All heavy atoms as atom14 arrays in JSON, in Angstrom:
{
  "sequence": "EEEIQKNDSIDTKEANEIENYAFDIIINGTQI",
  "atom14_mask": [
    [1, 1, 1, 1, 1, 1, 1, 1, 1, 0, 0, 0, 0, 0],
    [1, 1, 1, 1, 1, 1, 1, 1, 1, 0, 0, 0, 0, 0],
    [1, 1, 1, 1, 1, 1, 1, 1, 1, 0, 0, 0, 0, 0],
    [1, 1, 1, 1, 1, 1, 1, 1, 0, 0, 0, 0, 0, 0],
    [1, 1, 1, 1, 1, 1, 1, 1, 1, 0, 0, 0, 0, 0],
    [1, 1, 1, 1, 1, 1, 1, 1, 1, 0, 0, 0, 0, 0],
    [1, 1, 1, 1, 1, 1, 1, 1, 0, 0, 0, 0, 0, 0],
    [1, 1, 1, 1, 1, 1, 1, 1, 0, 0, 0, 0, 0, 0],
    [1, 1, 1, 1, 1, 1, 0, 0, 0, 0, 0, 0, 0, 0],
    [1, 1, 1, 1, 1, 1, 1, 1, 0, 0, 0, 0, 0, 0],
    [1, 1, 1, 1, 1, 1, 1, 1, 0, 0, 0, 0, 0, 0],
    [1, 1, 1, 1, 1, 1, 1, 0, 0, 0, 0, 0, 0, 0],
    [1, 1, 1, 1, 1, 1, 1, 1, 1, 0, 0, 0, 0, 0],
    [1, 1, 1, 1, 1, 1, 1, 1, 1, 0, 0, 0, 0, 0],
    [1, 1, 1, 1, 1, 0, 0, 0, 0, 0, 0, 0, 0, 0],
    [1, 1, 1, 1, 1, 1, 1, 1, 0, 0, 0, 0, 0, 0],
    [1, 1, 1, 1, 1, 1, 1, 1, 1, 0, 0, 0, 0, 0],
    [1, 1, 1, 1, 1, 1, 1, 1, 0, 0, 0, 0, 0, 0],
    [1, 1, 1, 1, 1, 1, 1, 1, 1, 0, 0, 0, 0, 0],
    [1, 1, 1, 1, 1, 1, 1, 1, 0, 0, 0, 0, 0, 0],
    [1, 1, 1, 1, 1, 1, 1, 1, 1, 1, 1, 1, 0, 0],
    [1, 1, 1, 1, 1, 0, 0, 0, 0, 0, 0, 0, 0, 0],
    [1, 1, 1, 1, 1, 1, 1, 1, 1, 1, 1, 0, 0, 0],
    [1, 1, 1, 1, 1, 1, 1, 1, 0, 0, 0, 0, 0, 0],
    [1, 1, 1, 1, 1, 1, 1, 1, 0, 0, 0, 0, 0, 0],
    [1, 1, 1, 1, 1, 1, 1, 1, 0, 0, 0, 0, 0, 0],
    [1, 1, 1, 1, 1, 1, 1, 1, 0, 0, 0, 0, 0, 0],
    [1, 1, 1, 1, 1, 1, 1, 1, 0, 0, 0, 0, 0, 0],
    [1, 1, 1, 1, 0, 0, 0, 0, 0, 0, 0, 0, 0, 0],
    [1, 1, 1, 1, 1, 1, 1, 0, 0, 0, 0, 0, 0, 0],
    [1, 1, 1, 1, 1, 1, 1, 1, 1, 0, 0, 0, 0, 0],
    [1, 1, 1, 1, 1, 1, 1, 1, 0, 0, 0, 0, 0, 0]
  ],
  "atom14_positions": [
    [[20.96, 3.22, -8.0], [20.53, 4.62, -8.1], [19.3, 4.74, -9.0], [18.38, 5.5, -8.71], [21.67, 5.5, -8.62], [21.36, 6.98, -8.56], [21.12, 7.49, -7.13], [21.76, 7.02, -6.19], [20.24, 8.37, -6.98], [0.0, 0.0, 0.0], [0.0, 0.0, 0.0], [0.0, 0.0, 0.0], [0.0, 0.0, 0.0], [0.0, 0.0, 0.0]],
    [[19.27, 3.96, -10.05], [18.13, 3.98, -10.98], [16.85, 3.48, -10.29], [15.79, 4.1, -10.43], [18.44, 3.1, -12.19], [17.35, 3.12, -13.25], [17.74, 2.28, -14.46], [18.54, 2.78, -15.27], [17.25, 1.14, -14.55], [0.0, 0.0, 0.0], [0.0, 0.0, 0.0], [0.0, 0.0, 0.0], [0.0, 0.0, 0.0], [0.0, 0.0, 0.0]],
    [[16.95, 2.38, -9.52], [15.79, 1.87, -8.79], [15.31, 2.87, -7.74], [14.11, 3.07, -7.57], [16.12, 0.54, -8.1], [16.23, -0.64, -9.02], [16.66, -1.91, -8.29], [17.09, -1.83, -7.11], [16.57, -2.98, -8.9], [0.0, 0.0, 0.0], [0.0, 0.0, 0.0], [0.0, 0.0, 0.0], [0.0, 0.0, 0.0], [0.0, 0.0, 0.0]],
    [[16.26, 3.48, -7.05], [15.91, 4.46, -6.01], [15.16, 5.64, -6.63], [14.13, 6.07, -6.12], [17.16, 4.92, -5.24], [17.7, 3.76, -4.38], [16.86, 6.14, -4.37], [19.06, 4.03, -3.76], [0.0, 0.0, 0.0], [0.0, 0.0, 0.0], [0.0, 0.0, 0.0], [0.0, 0.0, 0.0], [0.0, 0.0, 0.0], [0.0, 0.0, 0.0]],
    [[15.66, 6.16, -7.75], [15.0, 7.29, -8.41], [13.6, 6.9, -8.89], [12.65, 7.67, -8.74], [15.85, 7.79, -9.57], [17.08, 8.54, -9.12], [17.92, 9.03, -10.3], [17.59, 8.83, -11.46], [19.05, 9.67, -9.98], [0.0, 0.0, 0.0], [0.0, 0.0, 0.0], [0.0, 0.0, 0.0], [0.0, 0.0, 0.0], [0.0, 0.0, 0.0]],
    [[13.47, 5.71, -9.47], [12.17, 5.24, -9.94], [11.2, 5.12, -8.77], [10.06, 5.58, -8.84], [12.31, 3.89, -10.65], [11.0, 3.32, -11.12], [11.2, 1.95, -11.75], [9.85, 1.3, -12.03], [9.96, -0.1, -12.4], [0.0, 0.0, 0.0], [0.0, 0.0, 0.0], [0.0, 0.0, 0.0], [0.0, 0.0, 0.0], [0.0, 0.0, 0.0]],
    [[11.64, 4.51, -7.67], [10.77, 4.33, -6.5], [10.45, 5.66, -5.82], [9.34, 5.84, -5.31], [11.38, 3.34, -5.52], [11.31, 1.91, -6.03], [10.43, 1.56, -6.8], [12.26, 1.09, -5.63], [0.0, 0.0, 0.0], [0.0, 0.0, 0.0], [0.0, 0.0, 0.0], [0.0, 0.0, 0.0], [0.0, 0.0, 0.0], [0.0, 0.0, 0.0]],
    [[11.4, 6.59, -5.81], [11.13, 7.92, -5.25], [10.01, 8.6, -6.02], [9.13, 9.24, -5.45], [12.39, 8.8, -5.28], [13.36, 8.5, -4.16], [13.01, 7.71, -3.26], [14.47, 9.06, -4.19], [0.0, 0.0, 0.0], [0.0, 0.0, 0.0], [0.0, 0.0, 0.0], [0.0, 0.0, 0.0], [0.0, 0.0, 0.0], [0.0, 0.0, 0.0]],
    [[10.04, 8.46, -7.35], [9.01, 9.06, -8.2], [7.65, 8.43, -7.9], [6.64, 9.14, -7.76], [9.38, 8.86, -9.67], [8.37, 9.36, -10.5], [0.0, 0.0, 0.0], [0.0, 0.0, 0.0], [0.0, 0.0, 0.0], [0.0, 0.0, 0.0], [0.0, 0.0, 0.0], [0.0, 0.0, 0.0], [0.0, 0.0, 0.0], [0.0, 0.0, 0.0]],
    [[7.61, 7.11, -7.77], [6.36, 6.41, -7.44], [5.86, 6.86, -6.07], [4.67, 7.18, -5.9], [6.57, 4.88, -7.46], [6.8, 4.4, -8.89], [5.38, 4.15, -6.84], [7.31, 2.95, -8.98], [0.0, 0.0, 0.0], [0.0, 0.0, 0.0], [0.0, 0.0, 0.0], [0.0, 0.0, 0.0], [0.0, 0.0, 0.0], [0.0, 0.0, 0.0]],
    [[6.75, 6.89, -5.08], [6.36, 7.27, -3.71], [5.81, 8.69, -3.65], [4.81, 8.95, -2.98], [7.55, 7.13, -2.76], [7.92, 5.68, -2.47], [7.1, 4.79, -2.74], [9.04, 5.46, -1.99], [0.0, 0.0, 0.0], [0.0, 0.0, 0.0], [0.0, 0.0, 0.0], [0.0, 0.0, 0.0], [0.0, 0.0, 0.0], [0.0, 0.0, 0.0]],
    [[6.47, 9.61, -4.34], [6.02, 11.01, -4.33], [4.64, 11.13, -4.96], [3.76, 11.8, -4.42], [7.04, 11.9, -5.07], [8.29, 11.81, -4.39], [6.57, 13.34, -5.1], [0.0, 0.0, 0.0], [0.0, 0.0, 0.0], [0.0, 0.0, 0.0], [0.0, 0.0, 0.0], [0.0, 0.0, 0.0], [0.0, 0.0, 0.0], [0.0, 0.0, 0.0]],
    [[4.45, 10.49, -6.1], [3.16, 10.53, -6.79], [2.07, 9.95, -5.89], [1.0, 10.56, -5.73], [3.25, 9.75, -8.1], [1.98, 9.73, -8.91], [2.2, 8.97, -10.23], [1.0, 9.04, -11.12], [0.01, 8.04, -10.87], [0.0, 0.0, 0.0], [0.0, 0.0, 0.0], [0.0, 0.0, 0.0], [0.0, 0.0, 0.0], [0.0, 0.0, 0.0]],
    [[2.32, 8.79, -5.3], [1.3, 8.15, -4.46], [1.04, 8.93, -3.18], [-0.1, 9.0, -2.72], [1.71, 6.71, -4.15], [1.65, 5.83, -5.38], [2.11, 4.41, -5.17], [2.77, 4.12, -4.14], [1.81, 3.57, -6.04], [0.0, 0.0, 0.0], [0.0, 0.0, 0.0], [0.0, 0.0, 0.0], [0.0, 0.0, 0.0], [0.0, 0.0, 0.0]],
    [[2.06, 9.53, -2.61], [1.87, 10.33, -1.39], [0.95, 11.52, -1.66], [0.19, 11.94, -0.78], [3.21, 10.82, -0.85], [0.0, 0.0, 0.0], [0.0, 0.0, 0.0], [0.0, 0.0, 0.0], [0.0, 0.0, 0.0], [0.0, 0.0, 0.0], [0.0, 0.0, 0.0], [0.0, 0.0, 0.0], [0.0, 0.0, 0.0], [0.0, 0.0, 0.0]],
    [[0.99, 12.05, -2.87], [0.14, 13.17, -3.24], [-1.27, 12.75, -3.63], [-2.2, 13.54, -3.56], [0.77, 13.97, -4.38], [1.98, 14.75, -3.92], [2.0, 15.28, -2.82], [3.0, 14.8, -4.76], [0.0, 0.0, 0.0], [0.0, 0.0, 0.0], [0.0, 0.0, 0.0], [0.0, 0.0, 0.0], [0.0, 0.0, 0.0], [0.0, 0.0, 0.0]],
    [[-1.43, 11.49, -4.07], [-2.72, 11.04, -4.59], [-3.53, 10.2, -3.6], [-4.76, 10.23, -3.63], [-2.52, 10.21, -5.87], [-2.0, 11.03, -7.03], [-1.72, 10.18, -8.26], [-1.8, 8.94, -8.19], [-1.41, 10.78, -9.3], [0.0, 0.0, 0.0], [0.0, 0.0, 0.0], [0.0, 0.0, 0.0], [0.0, 0.0, 0.0], [0.0, 0.0, 0.0]],
    [[-2.88, 9.43, -2.75], [-3.59, 8.51, -1.87], [-4.02, 9.25, -0.6], [-3.19, 9.78, 0.13], [-2.72, 7.3, -1.5], [-2.39, 6.48, -2.75], [-3.4, 6.43, -0.45], [-1.37, 5.37, -2.52], [0.0, 0.0, 0.0], [0.0, 0.0, 0.0], [0.0, 0.0, 0.0], [0.0, 0.0, 0.0], [0.0, 0.0, 0.0], [0.0, 0.0, 0.0]],
    [[-5.33, 9.27, -0.37], [-5.84, 9.91, 0.84], [-5.87, 8.94, 2.01], [-5.57, 9.3, 3.13], [-7.23, 10.47, 0.59], [-7.22, 11.67, -0.32], [-8.59, 12.3, -0.45], [-9.36, 12.27, 0.54], [-8.89, 12.81, -1.53], [0.0, 0.0, 0.0], [0.0, 0.0, 0.0], [0.0, 0.0, 0.0], [0.0, 0.0, 0.0], [0.0, 0.0, 0.0]],
    [[-6.28, 7.7, 1.75], [-6.39, 6.69, 2.8], [-6.02, 5.33, 2.23], [-6.37, 5.01, 1.09], [-7.83, 6.59, 3.33], [-8.22, 7.8, 4.13], [-7.53, 8.18, 5.07], [-9.34, 8.4, 3.76], [0.0, 0.0, 0.0], [0.0, 0.0, 0.0], [0.0, 0.0, 0.0], [0.0, 0.0, 0.0], [0.0, 0.0, 0.0], [0.0, 0.0, 0.0]],
    [[-5.37, 4.54, 3.06], [-5.16, 3.13, 2.74], [-6.06, 2.36, 3.68], [-5.98, 2.52, 4.9], [-3.68, 2.74, 2.94], [-3.42, 1.26, 2.77], [-4.01, 0.54, 1.75], [-2.58, 0.59, 3.63], [-3.77, -0.82, 1.6], [-2.33, -0.76, 3.49], [-2.93, -1.46, 2.46], [-2.7, -2.81, 2.31], [0.0, 0.0, 0.0], [0.0, 0.0, 0.0]],
    [[-6.97, 1.55, 3.13], [-7.95, 0.88, 3.97], [-8.21, -0.54, 3.46], [-8.02, -0.83, 2.28], [-9.26, 1.66, 3.97], [0.0, 0.0, 0.0], [0.0, 0.0, 0.0], [0.0, 0.0, 0.0], [0.0, 0.0, 0.0], [0.0, 0.0, 0.0], [0.0, 0.0, 0.0], [0.0, 0.0, 0.0], [0.0, 0.0, 0.0], [0.0, 0.0, 0.0]],
    [[-8.64, -1.39, 4.38], [-9.04, -2.75, 4.05], [-9.89, -3.28, 5.2], [-9.84, -2.76, 6.31], [-7.84, -3.67, 3.82], [-6.79, -3.6, 4.89], [-6.89, -4.34, 6.06], [-5.69, -2.76, 4.73], [-5.91, -4.26, 7.05], [-4.71, -2.68, 5.72], [-4.82, -3.43, 6.88], [0.0, 0.0, 0.0], [0.0, 0.0, 0.0], [0.0, 0.0, 0.0]],
    [[-10.67, -4.31, 4.91], [-11.46, -4.99, 5.92], [-10.7, -6.22, 6.36], [-10.07, -6.9, 5.54], [-12.82, -5.41, 5.37], [-13.69, -4.22, 4.98], [-13.59, -3.16, 5.64], [-14.46, -4.35, 4.01], [0.0, 0.0, 0.0], [0.0, 0.0, 0.0], [0.0, 0.0, 0.0], [0.0, 0.0, 0.0], [0.0, 0.0, 0.0], [0.0, 0.0, 0.0]],
    [[-10.78, -6.55, 7.65], [-10.17, -7.76, 8.2], [-11.31, -8.72, 8.53], [-12.21, -8.38, 9.3], [-9.34, -7.46, 9.46], [-8.23, -6.46, 9.14], [-8.77, -8.76, 10.03], [-7.47, -5.96, 10.36], [0.0, 0.0, 0.0], [0.0, 0.0, 0.0], [0.0, 0.0, 0.0], [0.0, 0.0, 0.0], [0.0, 0.0, 0.0], [0.0, 0.0, 0.0]],
    [[-11.25, -9.9, 7.94], [-12.26, -10.93, 8.17], [-11.56, -12.12, 8.82], [-10.55, -12.61, 8.3], [-12.9, -11.39, 6.84], [-13.36, -10.22, 5.99], [-14.0, -12.42, 7.1], [-14.43, -9.37, 6.59], [0.0, 0.0, 0.0], [0.0, 0.0, 0.0], [0.0, 0.0, 0.0], [0.0, 0.0, 0.0], [0.0, 0.0, 0.0], [0.0, 0.0, 0.0]],
    [[-12.09, -12.6, 9.94], [-11.53, -13.78, 10.59], [-12.58, -14.89, 10.52], [-13.7, -14.73, 11.01], [-11.14, -13.49, 12.05], [-10.12, -12.37, 12.11], [-10.6, -14.77, 12.71], [-9.8, -11.87, 13.5], [0.0, 0.0, 0.0], [0.0, 0.0, 0.0], [0.0, 0.0, 0.0], [0.0, 0.0, 0.0], [0.0, 0.0, 0.0], [0.0, 0.0, 0.0]],
    [[-12.2, -15.98, 9.86], [-13.08, -17.13, 9.74], [-12.61, -18.22, 10.69], [-11.42, -18.55, 10.73], [-13.06, -17.68, 8.31], [-13.65, -16.7, 7.32], [-14.76, -16.23, 7.5], [-12.89, -16.38, 6.28], [0.0, 0.0, 0.0], [0.0, 0.0, 0.0], [0.0, 0.0, 0.0], [0.0, 0.0, 0.0], [0.0, 0.0, 0.0], [0.0, 0.0, 0.0]],
    [[-13.55, -18.8, 11.43], [-13.23, -19.9, 12.31], [-14.11, -21.1, 12.0], [-15.3, -20.93, 11.71], [0.0, 0.0, 0.0], [0.0, 0.0, 0.0], [0.0, 0.0, 0.0], [0.0, 0.0, 0.0], [0.0, 0.0, 0.0], [0.0, 0.0, 0.0], [0.0, 0.0, 0.0], [0.0, 0.0, 0.0], [0.0, 0.0, 0.0], [0.0, 0.0, 0.0]],
    [[-13.51, -22.29, 12.04], [-14.24, -23.52, 11.77], [-13.96, -24.5, 12.9], [-12.81, -24.65, 13.33], [-13.75, -24.15, 10.44], [-13.88, -23.17, 9.4], [-14.56, -25.37, 10.08], [0.0, 0.0, 0.0], [0.0, 0.0, 0.0], [0.0, 0.0, 0.0], [0.0, 0.0, 0.0], [0.0, 0.0, 0.0], [0.0, 0.0, 0.0], [0.0, 0.0, 0.0]],
    [[-14.99, -25.16, 13.38], [-14.82, -26.15, 14.43], [-13.94, -27.28, 13.93], [-14.07, -27.75, 12.8], [-16.18, -26.72, 14.84], [-16.08, -27.77, 15.93], [-17.44, -28.29, 16.37], [-18.45, -27.63, 16.16], [-17.45, -29.45, 16.97], [0.0, 0.0, 0.0], [0.0, 0.0, 0.0], [0.0, 0.0, 0.0], [0.0, 0.0, 0.0], [0.0, 0.0, 0.0]],
    [[-13.01, -27.73, 14.81], [-12.17, -28.88, 14.47], [-12.47, -30.02, 15.43], [-12.86, -29.8, 16.57], [-10.66, -28.52, 14.49], [-10.23, -27.93, 15.83], [-10.3, -27.58, 13.35], [-8.74, -27.66, 15.96], [0.0, 0.0, 0.0], [0.0, 0.0, 0.0], [0.0, 0.0, 0.0], [0.0, 0.0, 0.0], [0.0, 0.0, 0.0], [0.0, 0.0, 0.0]]
  ]
}
């Protein structure tokens, strides 16, 4: 119950603050 309450608090805060989650995907290829 303690972990759930702590994570609920984190989730609520982040849901209100984070507008976008973004990252770039880079694919590297090397001849074998």
